[in-house]
Protein backbone atom coordinates (compact mmCIF):
# COMPACT_ATOMS: atom_id res chain seq x y z
CA MET A 1 -21.02 36.33 -17.29
CA ASP A 2 -17.47 36.95 -18.44
CA LEU A 3 -16.19 33.75 -20.09
CA ASP A 4 -13.04 35.48 -21.28
CA SER A 5 -11.69 35.74 -17.73
CA ASN A 6 -12.12 31.96 -17.23
CA LEU A 7 -10.03 31.22 -20.30
CA LYS A 8 -6.96 33.22 -19.33
CA PRO A 9 -4.01 30.80 -18.85
CA LEU A 10 -2.47 32.71 -15.96
CA LYS A 11 -5.56 32.04 -13.87
CA TYR A 12 -4.70 28.32 -13.97
CA SER A 13 -0.93 28.55 -14.03
CA LEU A 14 1.09 25.93 -12.18
CA ASP A 15 4.66 26.29 -11.07
CA LEU A 16 6.93 24.01 -13.13
CA PHE A 17 8.63 22.89 -9.90
CA ARG A 18 5.23 21.67 -8.63
CA ILE A 19 4.78 19.60 -11.78
CA GLY A 20 8.03 17.82 -10.98
CA GLU A 21 6.86 17.25 -7.40
CA ILE A 22 3.55 15.85 -8.65
CA ARG A 23 5.34 13.54 -11.11
CA LYS A 24 7.62 12.31 -8.31
CA GLY A 25 4.62 11.73 -6.02
CA LEU A 26 2.75 9.79 -8.68
CA GLY A 27 5.87 7.66 -9.17
CA LYS A 28 5.74 6.83 -5.44
CA VAL A 29 2.10 5.80 -5.86
CA GLY A 30 3.14 3.44 -8.68
CA GLU A 31 5.91 1.97 -6.53
CA PHE A 32 3.43 1.43 -3.71
CA ASP A 33 1.02 -0.39 -6.03
CA ALA A 34 3.72 -2.77 -7.22
CA LYS A 35 4.97 -3.48 -3.69
CA PHE A 36 1.44 -3.93 -2.37
CA TYR A 37 0.48 -6.46 -5.04
CA ALA A 38 3.74 -8.39 -4.58
CA SER A 39 3.18 -8.46 -0.81
CA TYR A 40 -0.43 -9.53 -1.22
CA ASP A 41 0.52 -12.29 -3.68
CA LYS A 42 3.13 -13.59 -1.23
CA LEU A 43 0.63 -13.52 1.63
CA THR A 44 -2.00 -15.46 -0.31
CA SER A 45 0.60 -17.97 -1.49
CA ASP A 46 1.87 -18.45 2.08
CA LEU A 47 -1.67 -18.81 3.42
CA ASP A 48 -2.53 -21.37 0.72
CA GLN A 49 0.49 -23.42 1.78
CA LEU A 50 -0.40 -23.09 5.46
CA ALA A 51 -4.01 -24.08 4.75
CA PHE A 52 -2.76 -27.21 3.01
CA GLU A 53 -0.53 -28.02 6.01
CA ILE A 54 -3.42 -27.46 8.44
CA GLU A 55 -5.72 -29.65 6.38
CA SER A 56 -3.07 -32.36 6.14
CA GLY A 57 -2.52 -32.22 9.90
CA LEU A 58 -6.23 -32.59 10.60
CA THR A 59 -6.66 -35.53 8.23
CA THR A 60 -3.61 -37.36 9.62
CA ASN A 61 -4.55 -36.77 13.28
CA LYS A 62 -1.66 -34.35 13.82
CA ARG A 63 -3.90 -31.80 15.48
CA ASP A 64 -1.14 -30.15 17.52
CA GLU A 65 0.85 -29.47 14.36
CA ALA A 66 -2.29 -28.17 12.68
CA ARG A 67 -2.93 -25.77 15.58
CA ALA A 68 0.67 -24.54 15.48
CA THR A 69 0.37 -23.96 11.74
CA ALA A 70 -2.91 -22.09 12.27
CA ARG A 71 -1.15 -19.83 14.80
CA GLN A 72 1.62 -19.26 12.26
CA ALA A 73 -0.98 -18.26 9.66
CA TYR A 74 -2.58 -15.87 12.13
CA GLN A 75 0.82 -14.27 12.83
CA ARG A 76 1.46 -13.79 9.10
CA ILE A 77 -1.92 -12.09 8.76
CA LEU A 78 -1.09 -9.75 11.67
CA ILE A 79 2.27 -8.86 10.10
CA PHE A 80 0.59 -8.16 6.76
CA GLU A 81 -2.04 -6.02 8.49
CA ASP A 82 0.68 -3.99 10.22
CA GLU A 83 2.55 -3.50 6.94
CA LEU A 84 -0.69 -2.49 5.24
CA ASN A 85 -1.43 0.12 7.92
CA THR A 86 2.07 1.57 7.48
CA SER A 87 1.59 1.64 3.72
CA ILE A 88 -1.73 3.44 4.07
CA ALA A 89 -0.04 6.12 6.18
CA ASP A 90 2.69 6.40 3.54
CA MET A 91 0.11 6.81 0.77
CA ARG A 92 -1.69 9.53 2.73
CA ASP A 93 1.63 11.31 3.10
CA VAL A 94 2.30 11.11 -0.65
CA LYS A 95 -1.23 12.32 -1.37
CA ASN A 96 -0.71 15.31 0.94
CA ARG A 97 2.58 16.10 -0.79
CA ILE A 98 0.91 15.98 -4.19
CA LEU A 99 -2.14 17.99 -3.20
CA HIS A 100 -0.64 20.43 -0.74
CA GLY A 101 3.11 20.37 -1.31
CA ARG A 102 3.81 19.05 2.17
CA GLY A 103 4.01 15.70 3.92
CA GLY A 104 2.59 14.21 7.05
CA GLY A 105 5.49 12.06 8.24
CA GLY A 106 4.99 8.75 6.41
CA SER A 107 7.97 6.47 5.84
CA LEU A 108 8.20 6.51 2.02
CA GLN A 109 11.58 7.79 0.95
CA SER A 110 11.60 11.16 -0.88
């Protein structure tokens, strides 16, 4: 077994331009994380408020208002789910750019 050949730096060389691309891609991942957590926090806050409104409507016999609020909560969940699916596609695109130097058509800005 020739260990010397496994220790040669040229065997593992990486183009300096690729390092910049990787750094840029990892920055996009960090941006995604921040946006995702902010979006999730807003969703949970909105749903907490809507849950309170639904509960208040049920205890005060305003069932129609409670149903309308429940539909509103459902719509907010659907919007969040759609945004999450788009974000997942964007993250896959960034991952492909980092790993393979090419993208798959996500919507994150380069």
